[in-house]
ModelCIF file with pLDDT and N, C-alpha, C, O atoms, coordinates in Angstrom:
data_MODEL
#
_entry.id   MODEL 
#
_entity.id                         1 
_entity.type                       polymer 
_entity.pdbx_number_of_molecules   1 
#
_entity_poly.entity_id                      1 
_entity_poly.type                           'polypeptide(L)' 
_entity_poly.nstd_linkage                   no 
_entity_poly.nstd_monomer                   no 
_entity_poly.pdbx_seq_one_letter_code       
;(UNK)(UNK)(UNK)(UNK)(UNK)(UNK)(UNK)(UNK)(UNK)(UNK)(UNK)(UNK)(UNK)(UNK)(UNK)(UNK)
(UNK)(UNK)(UNK)(UNK)(UNK)(UNK)(UNK)(UNK)(UNK)(UNK)(UNK)(UNK)(UNK)(UNK)(UNK)(UNK)
(UNK)(UNK)(UNK)(UNK)(UNK)(UNK)
;
_entity_poly.pdbx_seq_one_letter_code_can   XXXXXXXXXXXXXXXXXXXXXXXXXXXXXXXXXXXXXX 
_entity_poly.pdbx_strand_id                 A 
#
loop_
_entity_poly_seq.entity_id 
_entity_poly_seq.num 
_entity_poly_seq.mon_id 
_entity_poly_seq.hetero 
1 1  UNK n 
1 2  UNK n 
1 3  UNK n 
1 4  UNK n 
1 5  UNK n 
1 6  UNK n 
1 7  UNK n 
1 8  UNK n 
1 9  UNK n 
1 10 UNK n 
1 11 UNK n 
1 12 UNK n 
1 13 UNK n 
1 14 UNK n 
1 15 UNK n 
1 16 UNK n 
1 17 UNK n 
1 18 UNK n 
1 19 UNK n 
1 20 UNK n 
1 21 UNK n 
1 22 UNK n 
1 23 UNK n 
1 24 UNK n 
1 25 UNK n 
1 26 UNK n 
1 27 UNK n 
1 28 UNK n 
1 29 UNK n 
1 30 UNK n 
1 31 UNK n 
1 32 UNK n 
1 33 UNK n 
1 34 UNK n 
1 35 UNK n 
1 36 UNK n 
1 37 UNK n 
1 38 UNK n 
#
_struct_asym.id          A 
_struct_asym.entity_id   1 
#
loop_
_ma_qa_metric.id 
_ma_qa_metric.mode 
_ma_qa_metric.name 
_ma_qa_metric.software_group_id 
_ma_qa_metric.type 
1 global pLDDT . pLDDT 
2 local  pLDDT . pLDDT 
#
_ma_qa_metric_global.metric_id      1 
_ma_qa_metric_global.metric_value   68.66 
_ma_qa_metric_global.model_id       1 
_ma_qa_metric_global.ordinal_id     1 
#
loop_
_ma_qa_metric_local.label_asym_id 
_ma_qa_metric_local.label_comp_id 
_ma_qa_metric_local.label_seq_id 
_ma_qa_metric_local.metric_id 
_ma_qa_metric_local.metric_value 
_ma_qa_metric_local.model_id 
_ma_qa_metric_local.ordinal_id 
A UNK 1  2 52.00 1 1  
A UNK 2  2 49.00 1 2  
A UNK 3  2 47.00 1 3  
A UNK 4  2 45.00 1 4  
A UNK 5  2 43.00 1 5  
A UNK 6  2 46.00 1 6  
A UNK 7  2 45.00 1 7  
A UNK 8  2 48.00 1 8  
A UNK 9  2 47.00 1 9  
A UNK 10 2 46.00 1 10 
A UNK 11 2 48.00 1 11 
A UNK 12 2 44.00 1 12 
A UNK 13 2 41.00 1 13 
A UNK 14 2 46.00 1 14 
A UNK 15 2 46.00 1 15 
A UNK 16 2 56.00 1 16 
A UNK 17 2 74.00 1 17 
A UNK 18 2 72.00 1 18 
A UNK 19 2 71.00 1 19 
A UNK 20 2 68.00 1 20 
A UNK 21 2 77.00 1 21 
A UNK 22 2 81.00 1 22 
A UNK 23 2 86.00 1 23 
A UNK 24 2 87.00 1 24 
A UNK 25 2 88.00 1 25 
A UNK 26 2 89.00 1 26 
A UNK 27 2 90.00 1 27 
A UNK 28 2 91.00 1 28 
A UNK 29 2 91.00 1 29 
A UNK 30 2 91.00 1 30 
A UNK 31 2 91.00 1 31 
A UNK 32 2 90.00 1 32 
A UNK 33 2 91.00 1 33 
A UNK 34 2 90.00 1 34 
A UNK 35 2 89.00 1 35 
A UNK 36 2 87.00 1 36 
A UNK 37 2 83.00 1 37 
A UNK 38 2 83.00 1 38 
#
loop_
_atom_site.group_PDB 
_atom_site.id 
_atom_site.type_symbol 
_atom_site.label_atom_id 
_atom_site.label_alt_id 
_atom_site.label_comp_id 
_atom_site.label_asym_id 
_atom_site.label_entity_id 
_atom_site.label_seq_id 
_atom_site.pdbx_PDB_ins_code 
_atom_site.Cartn_x 
_atom_site.Cartn_y 
_atom_site.Cartn_z 
_atom_site.occupancy 
_atom_site.B_iso_or_equiv 
_atom_site.pdbx_formal_charge 
_atom_site.auth_seq_id 
_atom_site.auth_comp_id 
_atom_site.auth_asym_id 
_atom_site.auth_atom_id 
_atom_site.pdbx_PDB_model_num 
ATOM 1   N N  . UNK A 1 1  ? -19.099 -77.489  10.644 1.00 52.00 ? 1  UNK A N  1 
ATOM 2   C CA . UNK A 1 1  ? -18.158 -78.285  11.314 1.00 52.00 ? 1  UNK A CA 1 
ATOM 3   C C  . UNK A 1 1  ? -17.409 -77.481  12.425 1.00 52.00 ? 1  UNK A C  1 
ATOM 4   O O  . UNK A 1 1  ? -16.756 -76.492  12.091 1.00 52.00 ? 1  UNK A O  1 
ATOM 5   N N  . UNK A 1 2  ? -17.479 -77.877  13.771 1.00 49.00 ? 2  UNK A N  1 
ATOM 6   C CA . UNK A 1 2  ? -16.845 -77.081  14.767 1.00 49.00 ? 2  UNK A CA 1 
ATOM 7   C C  . UNK A 1 2  ? -15.287 -77.171  14.642 1.00 49.00 ? 2  UNK A C  1 
ATOM 8   O O  . UNK A 1 2  ? -14.675 -78.090  14.098 1.00 49.00 ? 2  UNK A O  1 
ATOM 9   N N  . UNK A 1 3  ? -14.758 -76.083  15.225 1.00 47.00 ? 3  UNK A N  1 
ATOM 10  C CA . UNK A 1 3  ? -13.173 -76.098  15.234 1.00 47.00 ? 3  UNK A CA 1 
ATOM 11  C C  . UNK A 1 3  ? -12.685 -77.206  16.136 1.00 47.00 ? 3  UNK A C  1 
ATOM 12  O O  . UNK A 1 3  ? -13.265 -77.468  17.190 1.00 47.00 ? 3  UNK A O  1 
ATOM 13  N N  . UNK A 1 4  ? -11.614 -77.856  15.717 1.00 45.00 ? 4  UNK A N  1 
ATOM 14  C CA . UNK A 1 4  ? -11.028 -78.967  16.465 1.00 45.00 ? 4  UNK A CA 1 
ATOM 15  C C  . UNK A 1 4  ? -10.281 -78.334  17.673 1.00 45.00 ? 4  UNK A C  1 
ATOM 16  O O  . UNK A 1 4  ? -9.635  -77.294  17.542 1.00 45.00 ? 4  UNK A O  1 
ATOM 17  N N  . UNK A 1 5  ? -10.392 -78.995  18.851 1.00 43.00 ? 5  UNK A N  1 
ATOM 18  C CA . UNK A 1 5  ? -9.770  -78.582  20.052 1.00 43.00 ? 5  UNK A CA 1 
ATOM 19  C C  . UNK A 1 5  ? -8.372  -79.176  20.124 1.00 43.00 ? 5  UNK A C  1 
ATOM 20  O O  . UNK A 1 5  ? -8.069  -80.171  19.466 1.00 43.00 ? 5  UNK A O  1 
ATOM 21  N N  . UNK A 1 6  ? -7.532  -78.553  20.929 1.00 46.00 ? 6  UNK A N  1 
ATOM 22  C CA . UNK A 1 6  ? -6.130  -78.957  21.059 1.00 46.00 ? 6  UNK A CA 1 
ATOM 23  C C  . UNK A 1 6  ? -6.180  -80.325  21.709 1.00 46.00 ? 6  UNK A C  1 
ATOM 24  O O  . UNK A 1 6  ? -5.426  -81.216  21.317 1.00 46.00 ? 6  UNK A O  1 
ATOM 25  N N  . UNK A 1 7  ? -7.096  -80.526  22.745 1.00 45.00 ? 7  UNK A N  1 
ATOM 26  C CA . UNK A 1 7  ? -7.281  -81.892  23.426 1.00 45.00 ? 7  UNK A CA 1 
ATOM 27  C C  . UNK A 1 7  ? -8.639  -82.403  23.100 1.00 45.00 ? 7  UNK A C  1 
ATOM 28  O O  . UNK A 1 7  ? -9.601  -81.930  23.705 1.00 45.00 ? 7  UNK A O  1 
ATOM 29  N N  . UNK A 1 8  ? -8.805  -83.318  22.207 1.00 48.00 ? 8  UNK A N  1 
ATOM 30  C CA . UNK A 1 8  ? -10.036 -83.799  21.800 1.00 48.00 ? 8  UNK A CA 1 
ATOM 31  C C  . UNK A 1 8  ? -10.763 -84.566  22.889 1.00 48.00 ? 8  UNK A C  1 
ATOM 32  O O  . UNK A 1 8  ? -10.123 -85.356  23.584 1.00 48.00 ? 8  UNK A O  1 
ATOM 33  N N  . UNK A 1 9  ? -12.062 -84.380  23.078 1.00 47.00 ? 9  UNK A N  1 
ATOM 34  C CA . UNK A 1 9  ? -12.780 -85.000  24.129 1.00 47.00 ? 9  UNK A CA 1 
ATOM 35  C C  . UNK A 1 9  ? -13.081 -86.466  23.652 1.00 47.00 ? 9  UNK A C  1 
ATOM 36  O O  . UNK A 1 9  ? -13.249 -86.791  22.476 1.00 47.00 ? 9  UNK A O  1 
ATOM 37  N N  . UNK A 1 10 ? -13.123 -87.283  24.715 1.00 46.00 ? 10 UNK A N  1 
ATOM 38  C CA . UNK A 1 10 ? -13.436 -88.779  24.405 1.00 46.00 ? 10 UNK A CA 1 
ATOM 39  C C  . UNK A 1 10 ? -14.746 -88.936  23.729 1.00 46.00 ? 10 UNK A C  1 
ATOM 40  O O  . UNK A 1 10 ? -15.712 -88.257  24.077 1.00 46.00 ? 10 UNK A O  1 
ATOM 41  N N  . UNK A 1 11 ? -14.813 -89.844  22.736 1.00 48.00 ? 11 UNK A N  1 
ATOM 42  C CA . UNK A 1 11 ? -16.111 -90.033  22.070 1.00 48.00 ? 11 UNK A CA 1 
ATOM 43  C C  . UNK A 1 11 ? -17.085 -90.718  22.968 1.00 48.00 ? 11 UNK A C  1 
ATOM 44  O O  . UNK A 1 11 ? -16.743 -91.689  23.644 1.00 48.00 ? 11 UNK A O  1 
ATOM 45  N N  . UNK A 1 12 ? -18.380 -90.190  22.988 1.00 44.00 ? 12 UNK A N  1 
ATOM 46  C CA . UNK A 1 12 ? -19.395 -90.813  23.791 1.00 44.00 ? 12 UNK A CA 1 
ATOM 47  C C  . UNK A 1 12 ? -20.082 -91.919  22.989 1.00 44.00 ? 12 UNK A C  1 
ATOM 48  O O  . UNK A 1 12 ? -20.163 -91.903  21.760 1.00 44.00 ? 12 UNK A O  1 
ATOM 49  N N  . UNK A 1 13 ? -20.518 -92.779  23.695 1.00 41.00 ? 13 UNK A N  1 
ATOM 50  C CA . UNK A 1 13 ? -21.268 -94.004  23.138 1.00 41.00 ? 13 UNK A CA 1 
ATOM 51  C C  . UNK A 1 13 ? -22.668 -93.590  22.713 1.00 41.00 ? 13 UNK A C  1 
ATOM 52  O O  . UNK A 1 13 ? -23.409 -92.995  23.496 1.00 41.00 ? 13 UNK A O  1 
ATOM 53  N N  . UNK A 1 14 ? -22.992 -93.872  21.600 1.00 46.00 ? 14 UNK A N  1 
ATOM 54  C CA . UNK A 1 14 ? -24.353 -93.515  21.107 1.00 46.00 ? 14 UNK A CA 1 
ATOM 55  C C  . UNK A 1 14 ? -25.401 -94.423  21.723 1.00 46.00 ? 14 UNK A C  1 
ATOM 56  O O  . UNK A 1 14 ? -25.277 -95.647  21.748 1.00 46.00 ? 14 UNK A O  1 
ATOM 57  N N  . UNK A 1 15 ? -26.392 -93.792  22.195 1.00 46.00 ? 15 UNK A N  1 
ATOM 58  C CA . UNK A 1 15 ? -27.504 -94.599  22.963 1.00 46.00 ? 15 UNK A CA 1 
ATOM 59  C C  . UNK A 1 15 ? -28.769 -94.717  22.146 1.00 46.00 ? 15 UNK A C  1 
ATOM 60  O O  . UNK A 1 15 ? -29.739 -95.321  22.604 1.00 46.00 ? 15 UNK A O  1 
ATOM 61  N N  . UNK A 1 16 ? -28.788 -94.148  20.932 1.00 56.00 ? 16 UNK A N  1 
ATOM 62  C CA . UNK A 1 16 ? -30.009 -94.221  20.181 1.00 56.00 ? 16 UNK A CA 1 
ATOM 63  C C  . UNK A 1 16 ? -29.529 -94.518  18.686 1.00 56.00 ? 16 UNK A C  1 
ATOM 64  O O  . UNK A 1 16 ? -28.346 -94.436  18.356 1.00 56.00 ? 16 UNK A O  1 
ATOM 65  N N  . UNK A 1 17 ? -30.518 -94.856  17.849 1.00 74.00 ? 17 UNK A N  1 
ATOM 66  C CA . UNK A 1 17 ? -30.287 -95.193  16.445 1.00 74.00 ? 17 UNK A CA 1 
ATOM 67  C C  . UNK A 1 17 ? -30.174 -93.911  15.702 1.00 74.00 ? 17 UNK A C  1 
ATOM 68  O O  . UNK A 1 17 ? -31.125 -93.129  15.731 1.00 74.00 ? 17 UNK A O  1 
ATOM 69  N N  . UNK A 1 18 ? -29.126 -93.638  15.061 1.00 72.00 ? 18 UNK A N  1 
ATOM 70  C CA . UNK A 1 18 ? -28.913 -92.447  14.307 1.00 72.00 ? 18 UNK A CA 1 
ATOM 71  C C  . UNK A 1 18 ? -28.931 -92.678  12.815 1.00 72.00 ? 18 UNK A C  1 
ATOM 72  O O  . UNK A 1 18 ? -28.975 -93.820  12.360 1.00 72.00 ? 18 UNK A O  1 
ATOM 73  N N  . UNK A 1 19 ? -28.898 -91.606  12.053 1.00 71.00 ? 19 UNK A N  1 
ATOM 74  C CA . UNK A 1 19 ? -29.085 -91.671  10.570 1.00 71.00 ? 19 UNK A CA 1 
ATOM 75  C C  . UNK A 1 19 ? -27.925 -92.499  10.000 1.00 71.00 ? 19 UNK A C  1 
ATOM 76  O O  . UNK A 1 19 ? -28.118 -93.164  8.982  1.00 71.00 ? 19 UNK A O  1 
ATOM 77  N N  . UNK A 1 20 ? -26.775 -92.491  10.585 1.00 68.00 ? 20 UNK A N  1 
ATOM 78  C CA . UNK A 1 20 ? -25.672 -93.222  10.042 1.00 68.00 ? 20 UNK A CA 1 
ATOM 79  C C  . UNK A 1 20 ? -25.579 -94.737  10.597 1.00 68.00 ? 20 UNK A C  1 
ATOM 80  O O  . UNK A 1 20 ? -24.653 -95.472  10.253 1.00 68.00 ? 20 UNK A O  1 
ATOM 81  N N  . UNK A 1 21 ? -26.476 -95.101  11.371 1.00 77.00 ? 21 UNK A N  1 
ATOM 82  C CA . UNK A 1 21 ? -26.510 -96.422  11.906 1.00 77.00 ? 21 UNK A CA 1 
ATOM 83  C C  . UNK A 1 21 ? -27.014 -97.390  10.865 1.00 77.00 ? 21 UNK A C  1 
ATOM 84  O O  . UNK A 1 21 ? -27.821 -97.041  10.004 1.00 77.00 ? 21 UNK A O  1 
ATOM 85  N N  . UNK A 1 22 ? -26.540 -98.579  10.953 1.00 81.00 ? 22 UNK A N  1 
ATOM 86  C CA . UNK A 1 22 ? -27.000 -99.701  10.062 1.00 81.00 ? 22 UNK A CA 1 
ATOM 87  C C  . UNK A 1 22 ? -28.440 -100.181 10.530 1.00 81.00 ? 22 UNK A C  1 
ATOM 88  O O  . UNK A 1 22 ? -29.085 -100.965 9.833  1.00 81.00 ? 22 UNK A O  1 
ATOM 89  N N  . UNK A 1 23 ? -28.895 -99.713  11.663 1.00 86.00 ? 23 UNK A N  1 
ATOM 90  C CA . UNK A 1 23 ? -30.180 -100.072 12.089 1.00 86.00 ? 23 UNK A CA 1 
ATOM 91  C C  . UNK A 1 23 ? -31.228 -98.998  11.771 1.00 86.00 ? 23 UNK A C  1 
ATOM 92  O O  . UNK A 1 23 ? -32.391 -99.154  12.146 1.00 86.00 ? 23 UNK A O  1 
ATOM 93  N N  . UNK A 1 24 ? -30.849 -97.935  11.103 1.00 87.00 ? 24 UNK A N  1 
ATOM 94  C CA . UNK A 1 24 ? -31.798 -96.815  10.850 1.00 87.00 ? 24 UNK A CA 1 
ATOM 95  C C  . UNK A 1 24 ? -32.968 -97.238  9.867  1.00 87.00 ? 24 UNK A C  1 
ATOM 96  O O  . UNK A 1 24 ? -34.153 -97.021  10.117 1.00 87.00 ? 24 UNK A O  1 
ATOM 97  N N  . UNK A 1 25 ? -32.516 -97.853  8.747  1.00 88.00 ? 25 UNK A N  1 
ATOM 98  C CA . UNK A 1 25 ? -33.500 -98.318  7.849  1.00 88.00 ? 25 UNK A CA 1 
ATOM 99  C C  . UNK A 1 25 ? -34.421 -99.352  8.400  1.00 88.00 ? 25 UNK A C  1 
ATOM 100 O O  . UNK A 1 25 ? -35.631 -99.199  8.236  1.00 88.00 ? 25 UNK A O  1 
ATOM 101 N N  . UNK A 1 26 ? -33.947 -100.419 9.055  1.00 89.00 ? 26 UNK A N  1 
ATOM 102 C CA . UNK A 1 26 ? -34.890 -101.319 9.730  1.00 89.00 ? 26 UNK A CA 1 
ATOM 103 C C  . UNK A 1 26 ? -35.823 -100.663 10.712 1.00 89.00 ? 26 UNK A C  1 
ATOM 104 O O  . UNK A 1 26 ? -36.990 -101.021 10.870 1.00 89.00 ? 26 UNK A O  1 
ATOM 105 N N  . UNK A 1 27 ? -35.231 -99.668  11.372 1.00 90.00 ? 27 UNK A N  1 
ATOM 106 C CA . UNK A 1 27 ? -36.050 -99.028  12.418 1.00 90.00 ? 27 UNK A CA 1 
ATOM 107 C C  . UNK A 1 27 ? -37.184 -98.156  11.808 1.00 90.00 ? 27 UNK A C  1 
ATOM 108 O O  . UNK A 1 27 ? -38.281 -98.048  12.355 1.00 90.00 ? 27 UNK A O  1 
ATOM 109 N N  . UNK A 1 28 ? -36.858 -97.545  10.651 1.00 91.00 ? 28 UNK A N  1 
ATOM 110 C CA . UNK A 1 28 ? -37.866 -96.739  9.960  1.00 91.00 ? 28 UNK A CA 1 
ATOM 111 C C  . UNK A 1 28 ? -38.938 -97.633  9.279  1.00 91.00 ? 28 UNK A C  1 
ATOM 112 O O  . UNK A 1 28 ? -40.092 -97.238  9.114  1.00 91.00 ? 28 UNK A O  1 
ATOM 113 N N  . UNK A 1 29 ? -38.504 -98.848  8.894  1.00 91.00 ? 29 UNK A N  1 
ATOM 114 C CA . UNK A 1 29 ? -39.529 -99.770  8.444  1.00 91.00 ? 29 UNK A CA 1 
ATOM 115 C C  . UNK A 1 29 ? -40.422 -100.209 9.532  1.00 91.00 ? 29 UNK A C  1 
ATOM 116 O O  . UNK A 1 29 ? -41.627 -100.332 9.313  1.00 91.00 ? 29 UNK A O  1 
ATOM 117 N N  . UNK A 1 30 ? -39.918 -100.451 10.680 1.00 91.00 ? 30 UNK A N  1 
ATOM 118 C CA . UNK A 1 30 ? -40.822 -100.913 11.864 1.00 91.00 ? 30 UNK A CA 1 
ATOM 119 C C  . UNK A 1 30 ? -41.723 -99.729  12.250 1.00 91.00 ? 30 UNK A C  1 
ATOM 120 O O  . UNK A 1 30 ? -42.893 -99.912  12.583 1.00 91.00 ? 30 UNK A O  1 
ATOM 121 N N  . UNK A 1 31 ? -41.180 -98.561  12.201 1.00 91.00 ? 31 UNK A N  1 
ATOM 122 C CA . UNK A 1 31 ? -42.028 -97.360  12.544 1.00 91.00 ? 31 UNK A CA 1 
ATOM 123 C C  . UNK A 1 31 ? -43.230 -97.282  11.554 1.00 91.00 ? 31 UNK A C  1 
ATOM 124 O O  . UNK A 1 31 ? -44.367 -97.069  11.976 1.00 91.00 ? 31 UNK A O  1 
ATOM 125 N N  . UNK A 1 32 ? -42.965 -97.453  10.266 1.00 90.00 ? 32 UNK A N  1 
ATOM 126 C CA . UNK A 1 32 ? -44.153 -97.492  9.267  1.00 90.00 ? 32 UNK A CA 1 
ATOM 127 C C  . UNK A 1 32 ? -45.109 -98.654  9.653  1.00 90.00 ? 32 UNK A C  1 
ATOM 128 O O  . UNK A 1 32 ? -46.322 -98.488  9.525  1.00 90.00 ? 32 UNK A O  1 
ATOM 129 N N  . UNK A 1 33 ? -44.631 -99.765  10.097 1.00 91.00 ? 33 UNK A N  1 
ATOM 130 C CA . UNK A 1 33 ? -45.479 -100.877 10.477 1.00 91.00 ? 33 UNK A CA 1 
ATOM 131 C C  . UNK A 1 33 ? -46.526 -100.446 11.613 1.00 91.00 ? 33 UNK A C  1 
ATOM 132 O O  . UNK A 1 33 ? -47.698 -100.823 11.612 1.00 91.00 ? 33 UNK A O  1 
ATOM 133 N N  . UNK A 1 34 ? -46.012 -99.690  12.486 1.00 90.00 ? 34 UNK A N  1 
ATOM 134 C CA . UNK A 1 34 ? -46.937 -99.264  13.600 1.00 90.00 ? 34 UNK A CA 1 
ATOM 135 C C  . UNK A 1 34 ? -47.517 -97.834  13.432 1.00 90.00 ? 34 UNK A C  1 
ATOM 136 O O  . UNK A 1 34 ? -47.897 -97.163  14.392 1.00 90.00 ? 34 UNK A O  1 
ATOM 137 N N  . UNK A 1 35 ? -47.556 -97.430  12.186 1.00 89.00 ? 35 UNK A N  1 
ATOM 138 C CA . UNK A 1 35 ? -48.154 -96.074  11.877 1.00 89.00 ? 35 UNK A CA 1 
ATOM 139 C C  . UNK A 1 35 ? -49.632 -96.281  11.705 1.00 89.00 ? 35 UNK A C  1 
ATOM 140 O O  . UNK A 1 35 ? -50.016 -97.002  10.784 1.00 89.00 ? 35 UNK A O  1 
ATOM 141 N N  . UNK A 1 36 ? -50.470 -95.724  12.494 1.00 87.00 ? 36 UNK A N  1 
ATOM 142 C CA . UNK A 1 36 ? -51.941 -95.904  12.480 1.00 87.00 ? 36 UNK A CA 1 
ATOM 143 C C  . UNK A 1 36 ? -52.479 -95.426  11.160 1.00 87.00 ? 36 UNK A C  1 
ATOM 144 O O  . UNK A 1 36 ? -53.503 -95.961  10.734 1.00 87.00 ? 36 UNK A O  1 
ATOM 145 N N  . UNK A 1 37 ? -51.883 -94.456  10.457 1.00 83.00 ? 37 UNK A N  1 
ATOM 146 C CA . UNK A 1 37 ? -52.403 -93.993  9.221  1.00 83.00 ? 37 UNK A CA 1 
ATOM 147 C C  . UNK A 1 37 ? -52.502 -95.087  8.103  1.00 83.00 ? 37 UNK A C  1 
ATOM 148 O O  . UNK A 1 37 ? -53.277 -94.968  7.154  1.00 83.00 ? 37 UNK A O  1 
ATOM 149 N N  . UNK A 1 38 ? -51.729 -96.083  8.262  1.00 83.00 ? 38 UNK A N  1 
ATOM 150 C CA . UNK A 1 38 ? -51.759 -97.167  7.360  1.00 83.00 ? 38 UNK A CA 1 
ATOM 151 C C  . UNK A 1 38 ? -52.996 -98.148  7.601  1.00 83.00 ? 38 UNK A C  1 
ATOM 152 O O  . UNK A 1 38 ? -53.148 -99.138  6.886  1.00 83.00 ? 38 UNK A O  1 
#
């Protein structure tokens, strides 16, 4: 965990699906659907 700054930077908007996103599990399911190995 980085040290907190005196003046915190404004939070940036996430542009991709992250591990903490509610869309992560659906996204991984869709990735398995288009996995050629299956």
